[in-house]
PDB file of N, CA and C in Angstrom:
ATOM      1  N   MET A   1    -137.281-114.670 108.051  1.00  0.00           N
ATOM      2  CA  MET A   1    -138.359-114.187 106.938  1.00  0.00           C
ATOM      3  C   MET A   1    -137.910-113.312 105.881  1.00  0.00           C
ATOM      4  N   LEU A   2    -138.589-113.569 105.051  1.00  0.00           N
ATOM      5  CA  LEU A   2    -137.740-112.763 103.687  1.00  0.00           C
ATOM      6  C   LEU A   2    -139.376-111.659 103.332  1.00  0.00           C
ATOM      7  N   GLU A   3    -138.971-110.444 103.188  1.00  0.00           N
ATOM      8  CA  GLU A   3    -139.792-109.461 102.383  1.00  0.00           C
ATOM      9  C   GLU A   3    -139.658-109.719 100.534  1.00  0.00           C
ATOM     10  N   VAL A   4    -140.961-109.588 100.258  1.00  0.00           N
ATOM     11  CA  VAL A   4    -140.775-109.275  98.275  1.00  0.00           C
ATOM     12  C   VAL A   4    -141.640-108.357  98.345  1.00  0.00           C
ATOM     13  N   ARG A   5    -141.474-107.603  97.234  1.00  0.00           N
ATOM     14  CA  ARG A   5    -141.644-106.222  96.650  1.00  0.00           C
ATOM     15  C   ARG A   5    -141.900-106.660  95.206  1.00  0.00           C
ATOM     16  N   LEU A   6    -143.612-106.722  94.961  1.00  0.00           N
ATOM     17  CA  LEU A   6    -143.518-106.515  93.296  1.00  0.00           C
ATOM     18  C   LEU A   6    -143.686-105.451  93.423  1.00  0.00           C
ATOM     19  N   ALA A   7    -143.555-104.665  92.034  1.00  0.00           N
ATOM     20  CA  ALA A   7    -143.983-103.351  91.589  1.00  0.00           C
ATOM     21  C   ALA A   7    -144.396-103.168  90.235  1.00  0.00           C
ATOM     22  N   ASP A   8    -145.251-102.525  89.953  1.00  0.00           N
ATOM     23  CA  ASP A   8    -146.007-102.434  88.188  1.00  0.00           C
ATOM     24  C   ASP A   8    -146.136-101.260  88.205  1.00  0.00           C
ATOM     25  N   ILE A   9    -144.671-100.847  87.003  1.00  0.00           N
ATOM     26  CA  ILE A   9    -144.749 -99.415  86.972  1.00  0.00           C
ATOM     27  C   ILE A   9    -145.448 -99.219  85.229  1.00  0.00           C
ATOM     28  N   ILE A  10    -146.473 -98.394  85.314  1.00  0.00           N
ATOM     29  CA  ILE A  10    -147.174 -98.295  84.136  1.00  0.00           C
ATOM     30  C   ILE A  10    -146.236 -97.006  83.285  1.00  0.00           C
ATOM     31  N   ASP A  11    -146.181 -95.737  84.241  1.00  0.00           N
ATOM     32  CA  ASP A  11    -145.816 -94.948  83.707  1.00  0.00           C
ATOM     33  C   ASP A  11    -144.871 -94.255  84.798  1.00  0.00           C
ATOM     34  N   VAL A  12    -144.212 -93.203  84.800  1.00  0.00           N
ATOM     35  CA  VAL A  12    -143.220 -92.287  85.384  1.00  0.00           C
ATOM     36  C   VAL A  12    -144.099 -91.746  86.730  1.00  0.00           C
ATOM     37  N   HIS A  13    -145.546 -92.012  86.678  1.00  0.00           N
ATOM     38  CA  HIS A  13    -146.500 -91.116  87.071  1.00  0.00           C
ATOM     39  C   HIS A  13    -147.093 -92.070  88.240  1.00  0.00           C
ATOM     40  N   CYS A  14    -147.379 -93.371  87.887  1.00  0.00           N
ATOM     41  CA  CYS A  14    -148.182 -94.245  88.481  1.00  0.00           C
ATOM     42  C   CYS A  14    -147.836 -95.431  88.791  1.00  0.00           C
ATOM     43  N   ARG A  15    -147.636 -95.602  90.086  1.00  0.00           N
ATOM     44  CA  ARG A  15    -146.380 -96.665  90.200  1.00  0.00           C
ATOM     45  C   ARG A  15    -147.208 -97.707  91.708  1.00  0.00           C
ATOM     46  N   PHE A  16    -147.534 -99.026  90.972  1.00  0.00           N
ATOM     47  CA  PHE A  16    -148.495-100.131  91.988  1.00  0.00           C
ATOM     48  C   PHE A  16    -147.752-100.935  92.441  1.00  0.00           C
ATOM     49  N   VAL A  17    -147.607-100.457  94.222  1.00  0.00           N
ATOM     50  CA  VAL A  17    -146.514-101.917  94.482  1.00  0.00           C
ATOM     51  C   VAL A  17    -147.495-102.642  95.448  1.00  0.00           C
ATOM     52  N   ALA A  18    -147.016-104.550  95.679  1.00  0.00           N
ATOM     53  CA  ALA A  18    -147.289-105.055  96.821  1.00  0.00           C
ATOM     54  C   ALA A  18    -146.432-105.660  97.285  1.00  0.00           C
ATOM     55  N   VAL A  19    -146.721-105.993  98.764  1.00  0.00           N
ATOM     56  CA  VAL A  19    -145.357-106.508  99.440  1.00  0.00           C
ATOM     57  C   VAL A  19    -146.051-107.684  99.855  1.00  0.00           C
ATOM     58  N   ALA A  20    -144.950-108.621 100.351  1.00  0.00           N
ATOM     59  CA  ALA A  20    -145.567-109.866 100.836  1.00  0.00           C
ATOM     60  C   ALA A  20    -144.282-110.168 101.476  1.00  0.00           C
ATOM     61  N   GLU A  21    -144.693-110.797 103.169  1.00  0.00           N
ATOM     62  CA  GLU A  21    -143.670-111.782 103.779  1.00  0.00           C
ATOM     63  C   GLU A  21    -143.480-112.941 103.217  1.00  0.00           C
ATOM     64  N   VAL A  22    -142.743-113.391 103.456  1.00  0.00           N
ATOM     65  CA  VAL A  22    -142.706-115.171 103.179  1.00  0.00           C
ATOM     66  C   VAL A  22    -141.689-115.851 104.144  1.00  0.00           C
ATOM     67  N   VAL A  23    -142.108-117.008 104.518  1.00  0.00           N
ATOM     68  CA  VAL A  23    -141.786-117.637 105.900  1.00  0.00           C
ATOM     69  C   VAL A  23    -140.904-118.382 104.830  1.00  0.00           C
ATOM     70  N   ILE A  24    -139.811-118.901 105.195  1.00  0.00           N
ATOM     71  CA  ILE A  24    -139.371-120.003 104.468  1.00  0.00           C
ATOM     72  C   ILE A  24    -138.810-120.719 105.487  1.00  0.00           C
ATOM     73  N   GLU A  25    -139.203-122.163 105.697  1.00  0.00           N
ATOM     74  CA  GLU A  25    -138.778-123.100 106.528  1.00  0.00           C
ATOM     75  C   GLU A  25    -137.655-124.412 105.796  1.00  0.00           C
ATOM     76  N   VAL A  26    -137.032-124.492 105.909  1.00  0.00           N
ATOM     77  CA  VAL A  26    -136.297-125.419 105.870  1.00  0.00           C
ATOM     78  C   VAL A  26    -136.569-126.972 106.149  1.00  0.00           C
ATOM     79  N   VAL A  27    -136.856-127.933 106.039  1.00  0.00           N
ATOM     80  CA  VAL A  27    -137.747-129.214 106.726  1.00  0.00           C
ATOM     81  C   VAL A  27    -136.670-130.227 106.609  1.00  0.00           C
ATOM     82  N   ASP A  28    -135.717-130.135 105.999  1.00  0.00           N
ATOM     83  CA  ASP A  28    -135.090-131.492 105.929  1.00  0.00           C
ATOM     84  C   ASP A  28    -133.389-130.963 104.580  1.00  0.00           C
ATOM     85  N   ILE A  29    -132.323-131.074 105.164  1.00  0.00           N
ATOM     86  CA  ILE A  29    -131.414-131.162 103.837  1.00  0.00           C
ATOM     87  C   ILE A  29    -130.648-132.760 104.045  1.00  0.00           C
ATOM     88  N   ASN A  30    -129.986-132.567 102.933  1.00  0.00           N
ATOM     89  CA  ASN A  30    -129.095-133.853 103.017  1.00  0.00           C
ATOM     90  C   ASN A  30    -127.667-134.559 103.546  1.00  0.00           C
ATOM     91  N   ASP A  31    -128.269-134.331 104.613  1.00  0.00           N
ATOM     92  CA  ASP A  31    -126.852-134.609 105.565  1.00  0.00           C
ATOM     93  C   ASP A  31    -126.903-135.943 105.893  1.00  0.00           C
ATOM     94  N   ASN A  32    -127.677-136.838 105.800  1.00  0.00           N
ATOM     95  CA  ASN A  32    -127.237-138.456 106.057  1.00  0.00           C
ATOM     96  C   ASN A  32    -126.564-139.285 105.052  1.00  0.00           C
ATOM     97  N   ALA A  33    -125.549-139.932 105.251  1.00  0.00           N
ATOM     98  CA  ALA A  33    -125.494-140.846 104.014  1.00  0.00           C
ATOM     99  C   ALA A  33    -125.987-141.846 104.201  1.00  0.00           C
ATOM    100  N   PRO A  34    -126.361-143.071 103.034  1.00  0.00           N
ATOM    101  CA  PRO A  34    -127.320-144.040 102.819  1.00  0.00           C
ATOM    102  C   PRO A  34    -126.116-145.201 103.436  1.00  0.00           C
ATOM    103  N   ARG A  35    -126.963-146.194 104.152  1.00  0.00           N
ATOM    104  CA  ARG A  35    -126.355-147.066 104.497  1.00  0.00           C
ATOM    105  C   ARG A  35    -127.030-148.555 104.185  1.00  0.00           C
ATOM    106  N   LEU A  36    -126.395-149.579 103.497  1.00  0.00           N
ATOM    107  CA  LEU A  36    -126.859-150.619 102.591  1.00  0.00           C
ATOM    108  C   LEU A  36    -126.840-151.609 103.828  1.00  0.00           C
ATOM    109  N   SER A  37    -128.033-152.563 103.807  1.00  0.00           N
ATOM    110  CA  SER A  37    -128.371-153.397 104.658  1.00  0.00           C
ATOM    111  C   SER A  37    -127.084-154.477 105.161  1.00  0.00           C
ATOM    112  N   GLN A  38    -126.523-154.755 104.074  1.00  0.00           N
ATOM    113  CA  GLN A  38    -125.592-155.731 103.939  1.00  0.00           C
ATOM    114  C   GLN A  38    -124.563-154.874 103.906  1.00  0.00           C
ATOM    115  N   SER A  39    -123.263-155.254 104.296  1.00  0.00           N
ATOM    116  CA  SER A  39    -121.859-154.611 104.201  1.00  0.00           C
ATOM    117  C   SER A  39    -121.117-155.507 102.627  1.00  0.00           C
ATOM    118  N   SER A  40    -121.626-156.303 102.206  1.00  0.00           N
ATOM    119  CA  SER A  40    -120.593-157.156 101.202  1.00  0.00           C
ATOM    120  C   SER A  40    -122.208-158.338 100.713  1.00  0.00           C
ATOM    121  N   TYR A  41    -122.280-158.548  99.565  1.00  0.00           N
ATOM    122  CA  TYR A  41    -122.841-159.483  99.059  1.00  0.00           C
ATOM    123  C   TYR A  41    -121.854-160.508  97.705  1.00  0.00           C
ATOM    124  N   ALA A  42    -122.373-161.804  98.387  1.00  0.00           N
ATOM    125  CA  ALA A  42    -122.070-162.778  97.007  1.00  0.00           C
ATOM    126  C   ALA A  42    -123.043-163.255  96.305  1.00  0.00           C
ATOM    127  N   VAL A  43    -123.006-163.259  94.722  1.00  0.00           N
ATOM    128  CA  VAL A  43    -123.298-163.654  93.667  1.00  0.00           C
ATOM    129  C   VAL A  43    -123.103-164.633  93.466  1.00  0.00           C
ATOM    130  N   THR A  44    -123.684-165.826  92.600  1.00  0.00           N
ATOM    131  CA  THR A  44    -122.924-166.392  91.810  1.00  0.00           C
ATOM    132  C   THR A  44    -124.043-166.479  90.489  1.00  0.00           C
ATOM    133  N   VAL A  45    -124.001-165.616  88.846  1.00  0.00           N
ATOM    134  CA  VAL A  45    -124.405-165.563  88.328  1.00  0.00           C
ATOM    135  C   VAL A  45    -123.989-166.567  86.980  1.00  0.00           C
ATOM    136  N   ASP A  46    -125.113-167.704  86.989  1.00  0.00           N
ATOM    137  CA  ASP A  46    -125.038-168.421  85.367  1.00  0.00           C
ATOM    138  C   ASP A  46    -124.694-167.881  84.315  1.00  0.00           C
ATOM    139  N   GLU A  47    -123.923-168.456  83.298  1.00  0.00           N
ATOM    140  CA  GLU A  47    -123.588-168.493  82.268  1.00  0.00           C
ATOM    141  C   GLU A  47    -124.971-168.193  81.066  1.00  0.00           C
ATOM    142  N   LEU A  48    -125.321-167.073  80.179  1.00  0.00           N
ATOM    143  CA  LEU A  48    -126.440-167.400  79.347  1.00  0.00           C
ATOM    144  C   LEU A  48    -127.370-166.739  79.916  1.00  0.00           C
ATOM    145  N   MET A  49    -127.611-166.193  81.073  1.00  0.00           N
ATOM    146  CA  MET A  49    -129.106-165.790  81.648  1.00  0.00           C
ATOM    147  C   MET A  49    -129.278-164.812  80.761  1.00  0.00           C
ATOM    148  N   PRO A  50    -130.548-164.522  80.159  1.00  0.00           N
ATOM    149  CA  PRO A  50    -131.223-163.281  79.538  1.00  0.00           C
ATOM    150  C   PRO A  50    -130.467-161.908  79.956  1.00  0.00           C
ATOM    151  N   VAL A  51    -130.681-161.059  78.909  1.00  0.00           N
ATOM    152  CA  VAL A  51    -130.314-159.779  79.194  1.00  0.00           C
ATOM    153  C   VAL A  51    -131.629-158.885  79.973  1.00  0.00           C
ATOM    154  N   GLY A  52    -131.499-158.227  81.407  1.00  0.00           N
ATOM    155  CA  GLY A  52    -132.646-158.060  82.174  1.00  0.00           C
ATOM    156  C   GLY A  52    -132.815-158.762  82.919  1.00  0.00           C
ATOM    157  N   SER A  53    -132.497-160.036  83.069  1.00  0.00           N
ATOM    158  CA  SER A  53    -132.689-160.605  84.264  1.00  0.00           C
ATOM    159  C   SER A  53    -131.794-160.392  85.853  1.00  0.00           C
ATOM    160  N   PRO A  54    -132.861-159.995  86.728  1.00  0.00           N
ATOM    161  CA  PRO A  54    -132.056-159.768  88.105  1.00  0.00           C
ATOM    162  C   PRO A  54    -130.985-160.765  88.656  1.00  0.00           C
ATOM    163  N   VAL A  55    -129.750-159.864  89.011  1.00  0.00           N
ATOM    164  CA  VAL A  55    -128.851-160.892  89.735  1.00  0.00           C
ATOM    165  C   VAL A  55    -128.939-160.888  91.190  1.00  0.00           C
ATOM    166  N   VAL A  56    -129.369-159.788  91.831  1.00  0.00           N
ATOM    167  CA  VAL A  56    -129.158-159.364  92.973  1.00  0.00           C
ATOM    168  C   VAL A  56    -130.227-158.054  93.517  1.00  0.00           C
ATOM    169  N   THR A  57    -130.513-157.913  94.325  1.00  0.00           N
ATOM    170  CA  THR A  57    -131.113-156.797  94.875  1.00  0.00           C
ATOM    171  C   THR A  57    -130.924-156.385  96.199  1.00  0.00           C
ATOM    172  N   LEU A  58    -130.396-155.194  95.958  1.00  0.00           N
ATOM    173  CA  LEU A  58    -129.310-154.429  97.070  1.00  0.00           C
ATOM    174  C   LEU A  58    -130.142-153.688  97.637  1.00  0.00           C
ATOM    175  N   GLU A  59    -130.192-153.349  99.274  1.00  0.00           N
ATOM    176  CA  GLU A  59    -131.471-152.466 100.010  1.00  0.00           C
ATOM    177  C   GLU A  59    -130.851-151.718 100.644  1.00  0.00           C
ATOM    178  N   ALA A  60    -131.085-150.601 101.164  1.00  0.00           N
ATOM    179  CA  ALA A  60    -130.590-149.556 101.515  1.00  0.00           C
ATOM    180  C   ALA A  60    -131.661-148.535 102.293  1.00  0.00           C
ATOM    181  N   THR A  61    -131.034-147.468 103.502  1.00  0.00           N
ATOM    182  CA  THR A  61    -131.962-146.945 104.273  1.00  0.00           C
ATOM    183  C   THR A  61    -131.165-145.323 103.754  1.00  0.00           C
ATOM    184  N   ASP A  62    -131.773-144.259 104.404  1.00  0.00           N
ATOM    185  CA  ASP A  62    -131.532-142.911 104.681  1.00  0.00           C
ATOM    186  C   ASP A  62    -132.207-142.168 105.436  1.00  0.00           C
ATOM    187  N   LEU A  63    -131.276-141.694 106.399  1.00  0.00           N
ATOM    188  CA  LEU A  63    -132.280-141.034 107.267  1.00  0.00           C
ATOM    189  C   LEU A  63    -133.098-139.506 106.857  1.00  0.00           C
ATOM    190  N   ASP A  64    -132.371-139.504 105.360  1.00  0.00           N
ATOM    191  CA  ASP A  64    -133.166-137.966 105.371  1.00  0.00           C
ATOM    192  C   ASP A  64    -134.651-138.459 104.820  1.00  0.00           C
ATOM    193  N   ILE A  65    -135.117-137.411 104.719  1.00  0.00           N
ATOM    194  CA  ILE A  65    -136.400-137.266 104.573  1.00  0.00           C
ATOM    195  C   ILE A  65    -137.066-137.122 103.219  1.00  0.00           C
ATOM    196  N   GLY A  66    -138.022-137.294 102.503  1.00  0.00           N
ATOM    197  CA  GLY A  66    -138.722-136.836 101.391  1.00  0.00           C
ATOM    198  C   GLY A  66    -137.467-137.043  99.976  1.00  0.00           C
ATOM    199  N   ARG A  67    -137.669-135.879  99.024  1.00  0.00           N
ATOM    200  CA  ARG A  67    -136.463-136.242  97.634  1.00  0.00           C
ATOM    201  C   ARG A  67    -135.061-135.976  98.290  1.00  0.00           C
ATOM    202  N   ASN A  68    -134.643-135.760  99.622  1.00  0.00           N
ATOM    203  CA  ASN A  68    -133.404-135.830  99.924  1.00  0.00           C
ATOM    204  C   ASN A  68    -133.085-137.532 100.691  1.00  0.00           C
ATOM    205  N   ALA A  69    -134.215-138.456 100.241  1.00  0.00           N
ATOM    206  CA  ALA A  69    -133.912-139.645 101.111  1.00  0.00           C
ATOM    207  C   ALA A  69    -134.008-140.856  99.916  1.00  0.00           C
ATOM    208  N   TRP A  70    -133.935-140.421  98.697  1.00  0.00           N
ATOM    209  CA  TRP A  70    -134.203-141.181  97.325  1.00  0.00           C
ATOM    210  C   TRP A  70    -133.196-141.749  96.900  1.00  0.00           C
ATOM    211  N   LEU A  71    -132.508-142.919  96.862  1.00  0.00           N
ATOM    212  CA  LEU A  71    -131.222-143.335  96.534  1.00  0.00           C
ATOM    213  C   LEU A  71    -131.371-143.916  94.986  1.00  0.00           C
ATOM    214  N   THR A  72    -130.053-143.531  94.102  1.00  0.00           N
ATOM    215  CA  THR A  72    -129.850-144.199  92.855  1.00  0.00           C
ATOM    216  C   THR A  72    -128.893-145.108  93.151  1.00  0.00           C
ATOM    217  N   TYR A  73    -128.939-146.149  92.266  1.00  0.00           N
ATOM    218  CA  TYR A  73    -128.362-147.138  92.277  1.00  0.00           C
ATOM    219  C   TYR A  73    -127.455-147.100  90.802  1.00  0.00           C
ATOM    220  N   THR A  74    -125.827-146.953  90.811  1.00  0.00           N
ATOM    221  CA  THR A  74    -125.076-147.066  89.822  1.00  0.00           C
ATOM    222  C   THR A  74    -124.103-147.944  89.824  1.00  0.00           C
ATOM    223  N   VAL A  75    -123.846-148.996  88.491  1.00  0.00           N
ATOM    224  CA  VAL A  75    -122.476-149.508  88.166  1.00  0.00           C
ATOM    225  C   VAL A  75    -121.907-148.975  88.210  1.00  0.00           C
ATOM    226  N   VAL A  76    -120.671-149.012  88.365  1.00  0.00           N
ATOM    227  CA  VAL A  76    -119.520-147.904  87.968  1.00  0.00           C
ATOM    228  C   VAL A  76    -118.407-148.713  87.299  1.00  0.00           C
ATOM    229  N   ASP A  77    -117.875-147.901  86.643  1.00  0.00           N
ATOM    230  CA  ASP A  77    -116.898-148.910  86.248  1.00  0.00           C
ATOM    231  C   ASP A  77    -115.993-149.856  86.981  1.00  0.00           C
ATOM    232  N   GLY A  78    -115.544-150.830  86.068  1.00  0.00           N
ATOM    233  CA  GLY A  78    -115.149-152.060  86.541  1.00  0.00           C
ATOM    234  C   GLY A  78    -114.781-152.950  85.932  1.00  0.00           C
ATOM    235  N   ALA A  79    -114.319-154.034  86.533  1.00  0.00           N
ATOM    236  CA  ALA A  79    -113.707-155.379  85.078  1.00  0.00           C
ATOM    237  C   ALA A  79    -115.043-155.726  84.514  1.00  0.00           C
ATOM    238  N   ASP A  80    -116.246-155.797  84.921  1.00  0.00           N
ATOM    239  CA  ASP A  80    -116.951-156.694  85.043  1.00  0.00           C
ATOM    240  C   ASP A  80    -118.639-155.546  85.073  1.00  0.00           C
ATOM    241  N   SER A  81    -118.070-154.486  84.360  1.00  0.00           N
ATOM    242  CA  SER A  81    -119.166-153.259  84.554  1.00  0.00           C
ATOM    243  C   SER A  81    -119.754-153.416  83.505  1.00  0.00           C
ATOM    244  N   GLN A  82    -119.217-153.808  82.103  1.00  0.00           N
ATOM    245  CA  GLN A  82    -119.893-154.057  80.885  1.00  0.00           C
ATOM    246  C   GLN A  82    -120.861-155.102  80.739  1.00  0.00           C
ATOM    247  N   TYR A  83    -121.237-155.700  81.657  1.00  0.00           N
ATOM    248  CA  TYR A  83    -122.035-157.145  81.947  1.00  0.00           C
ATOM    249  C   TYR A  83    -123.592-156.473  82.743  1.00  0.00           C
ATOM    250  N   PHE A  84    -123.218-155.506  83.691  1.00  0.00           N
ATOM    251  CA  PHE A  84    -124.166-155.558  84.950  1.00  0.00           C
ATOM    252  C   PHE A  84    -124.957-153.948  84.754  1.00  0.00           C
ATOM    253  N   TYR A  85    -126.275-153.785  85.112  1.00  0.00           N
ATOM    254  CA  TYR A  85    -126.580-152.084  85.014  1.00  0.00           C
ATOM    255  C   TYR A  85    -127.339-152.409  86.056  1.00  0.00           C
ATOM    256  N   ALA A  86    -127.904-151.225  86.968  1.00  0.00           N
ATOM    257  CA  ALA A  86    -128.267-151.263  88.000  1.00  0.00           C
ATOM    258  C   ALA A  86    -129.639-150.533  87.568  1.00  0.00           C
ATOM    259  N   ASP A  87    -131.080-150.684  88.454  1.00  0.00           N
ATOM    260  CA  ASP A  87    -132.198-150.282  88.661  1.00  0.00           C
ATOM    261  C   ASP A  87    -132.617-149.982  89.815  1.00  0.00           C
ATOM    262  N   SER A  88    -132.591-148.422  89.860  1.00  0.00           N
ATOM    263  CA  SER A  88    -133.447-148.020  91.457  1.00  0.00           C
ATOM    264  C   SER A  88    -134.294-148.181  91.534  1.00  0.00           C
ATOM    265  N   ILE A  89    -135.133-148.258  92.681  1.00  0.00           N
ATOM    266  CA  ILE A  89    -136.341-148.899  92.942  1.00  0.00           C
ATOM    267  C   ILE A  89    -136.683-147.928  93.980  1.00  0.00           C
ATOM    268  N   TYR A  90    -136.944-146.179  94.003  1.00  0.00           N
ATOM    269  CA  TYR A  90    -137.162-144.497  94.686  1.00  0.00           C
ATOM    270  C   TYR A  90    -138.564-145.962  95.855  1.00  0.00           C
ATOM    271  N   ALA A  91    -139.466-146.229  95.474  1.00  0.00           N
ATOM    272  CA  ALA A  91    -140.160-146.146  96.524  1.00  0.00           C
ATOM    273  C   ALA A  91    -139.949-147.194  98.255  1.00  0.00           C
ATOM    274  N   VAL A  92    -139.234-147.930  97.707  1.00  0.00           N
ATOM    275  CA  VAL A  92    -138.471-149.066  98.837  1.00  0.00           C
ATOM    276  C   VAL A  92    -137.269-148.802  99.129  1.00  0.00           C
ATOM    277  N   GLY A  93    -136.653-148.172  98.599  1.00  0.00           N
ATOM    278  CA  GLY A  93    -134.778-148.017  98.539  1.00  0.00           C
ATOM    279  C   GLY A  93    -134.146-148.838  98.116  1.00  0.00           C
ATOM    280  N   ALA A  94    -134.550-149.609  97.360  1.00  0.00           N
ATOM    281  CA  ALA A  94    -133.961-150.550  96.793  1.00  0.00           C
ATOM    282  C   ALA A  94    -133.278-150.711  95.587  1.00  0.00           C
ATOM    283  N   GLY A  95    -132.111-151.476  95.050  1.00  0.00           N
ATOM    284  CA  GLY A  95    -131.788-151.348  94.054  1.00  0.00           C
ATOM    285  C   GLY A  95    -131.533-152.932  93.302  1.00  0.00           C
ATOM    286  N   VAL A  96    -132.066-153.416  92.032  1.00  0.00           N
ATOM    287  CA  VAL A  96    -131.489-154.126  91.689  1.00  0.00           C
ATOM    288  C   VAL A  96    -130.411-154.351  90.535  1.00  0.00           C
ATOM    289  N   ILE A  97    -129.850-155.220  90.593  1.00  0.00           N
ATOM    290  CA  ILE A  97    -128.294-155.025  89.187  1.00  0.00           C
ATOM    291  C   ILE A  97    -129.023-156.319  88.502  1.00  0.00           C
ATOM    292  N   ARG A  98    -128.953-155.658  87.308  1.00  0.00           N
ATOM    293  CA  ARG A  98    -129.488-156.455  86.306  1.00  0.00           C
ATOM    294  C   ARG A  98    -128.194-156.745  85.168  1.00  0.00           C
ATOM    295  N   ILE A  99    -128.923-158.117  84.337  1.00  0.00           N
ATOM    296  CA  ILE A  99    -127.688-158.215  83.495  1.00  0.00           C
ATOM    297  C   ILE A  99    -127.692-157.514  81.793  1.00  0.00           C
ATOM    298  N   LYS A 100    -126.790-156.984  82.040  1.00  0.00           N
ATOM    299  CA  LYS A 100    -126.849-156.045  80.539  1.00  0.00           C
ATOM    300  C   LYS A 100    -126.270-157.023  79.487  1.00  0.00           C
ATOM    301  N   LYS A 101    -125.507-157.853  79.381  1.00  0.00           N
ATOM    302  CA  LYS A 101    -124.577-158.289  78.126  1.00  0.00           C
ATOM    303  C   LYS A 101    -125.115-159.494  78.358  1.00  0.00           C
ATOM    304  N   VAL A 102    -125.213-160.445  77.123  1.00  0.00           N
ATOM    305  CA  VAL A 102    -125.042-162.205  77.891  1.00  0.00           C
ATOM    306  C   VAL A 102    -123.550-162.740  78.639  1.00  0.00           C
ATOM    307  N   ILE A 103    -123.532-163.334  79.494  1.00  0.00           N
ATOM    308  CA  ILE A 103    -121.985-163.602  79.932  1.00  0.00           C
ATOM    309  C   ILE A 103    -121.962-165.006  79.663  1.00  0.00           C
ATOM    310  N   LEU A 104    -120.458-165.193  78.860  1.00  0.00           N
ATOM    311  CA  LEU A 104    -120.371-166.786  78.275  1.00  0.00           C
ATOM    312  C   LEU A 104    -119.953-167.517  79.454  1.00  0.00           C
ATOM    313  N   ILE A 105    -119.585-167.280  80.454  1.00  0.00           N
ATOM    314  CA  ILE A 105    -118.520-167.900  81.600  1.00  0.00           C
ATOM    315  C   ILE A 105    -119.284-167.460  82.666  1.00  0.00           C
ATOM    316  N   SER A 106    -120.033-168.515  83.263  1.00  0.00           N
ATOM    317  CA  SER A 106    -119.966-168.756  84.926  1.00  0.00           C
ATOM    318  C   SER A 106    -119.277-167.920  85.800  1.00  0.00           C
ATOM    319  N   ILE A 107    -119.834-167.193  86.759  1.00  0.00           N
ATOM    320  CA  ILE A 107    -118.577-165.642  87.348  1.00  0.00           C
ATOM    321  C   ILE A 107    -119.378-165.693  88.977  1.00  0.00           C
ATOM    322  N   VAL A 108    -118.263-165.423  89.917  1.00  0.00           N
ATOM    323  CA  VAL A 108    -118.997-164.906  91.186  1.00  0.00           C
ATOM    324  C   VAL A 108    -118.935-163.585  91.129  1.00  0.00           C
ATOM    325  N   LEU A 109    -120.024-162.993  91.481  1.00  0.00           N
ATOM    326  CA  LEU A 109    -120.129-161.454  91.716  1.00  0.00           C
ATOM    327  C   LEU A 109    -119.669-160.802  93.049  1.00  0.00           C
ATOM    328  N   LEU A 110    -118.795-160.125  93.301  1.00  0.00           N
ATOM    329  CA  LEU A 110    -118.521-160.072  94.723  1.00  0.00           C
ATOM    330  C   LEU A 110    -118.840-158.546  94.783  1.00  0.00           C
ATOM    331  N   LEU A 111    -119.707-158.088  95.267  1.00  0.00           N
ATOM    332  CA  LEU A 111    -119.890-156.467  95.736  1.00  0.00           C
ATOM    333  C   LEU A 111    -119.916-156.304  97.194  1.00  0.00           C
TER     334      LEU A 111
END
């Protein structure tokens, strides 16, 4: 329990004080790691796919609740990172890998 004291000082002779007790309950902490529904993905990407085209949808779950369960998908640096970006779909815990730049040859993407 926490006690909060609020003072309104008008002058040195008159001072009004209010006190409130505040109970803080921690309902969830971010203590669970997200888990992908698959341990690996293999996707073939055709050349000349339009920018923004979906390549693969990744799904994960997190045992935390509320904001602590929100997942953000990010494409990190790598040989092919210039060609792809990730969209996070918070409502369903999914992320979509999309084409960022037109690819001039077919490739196989291993995630």
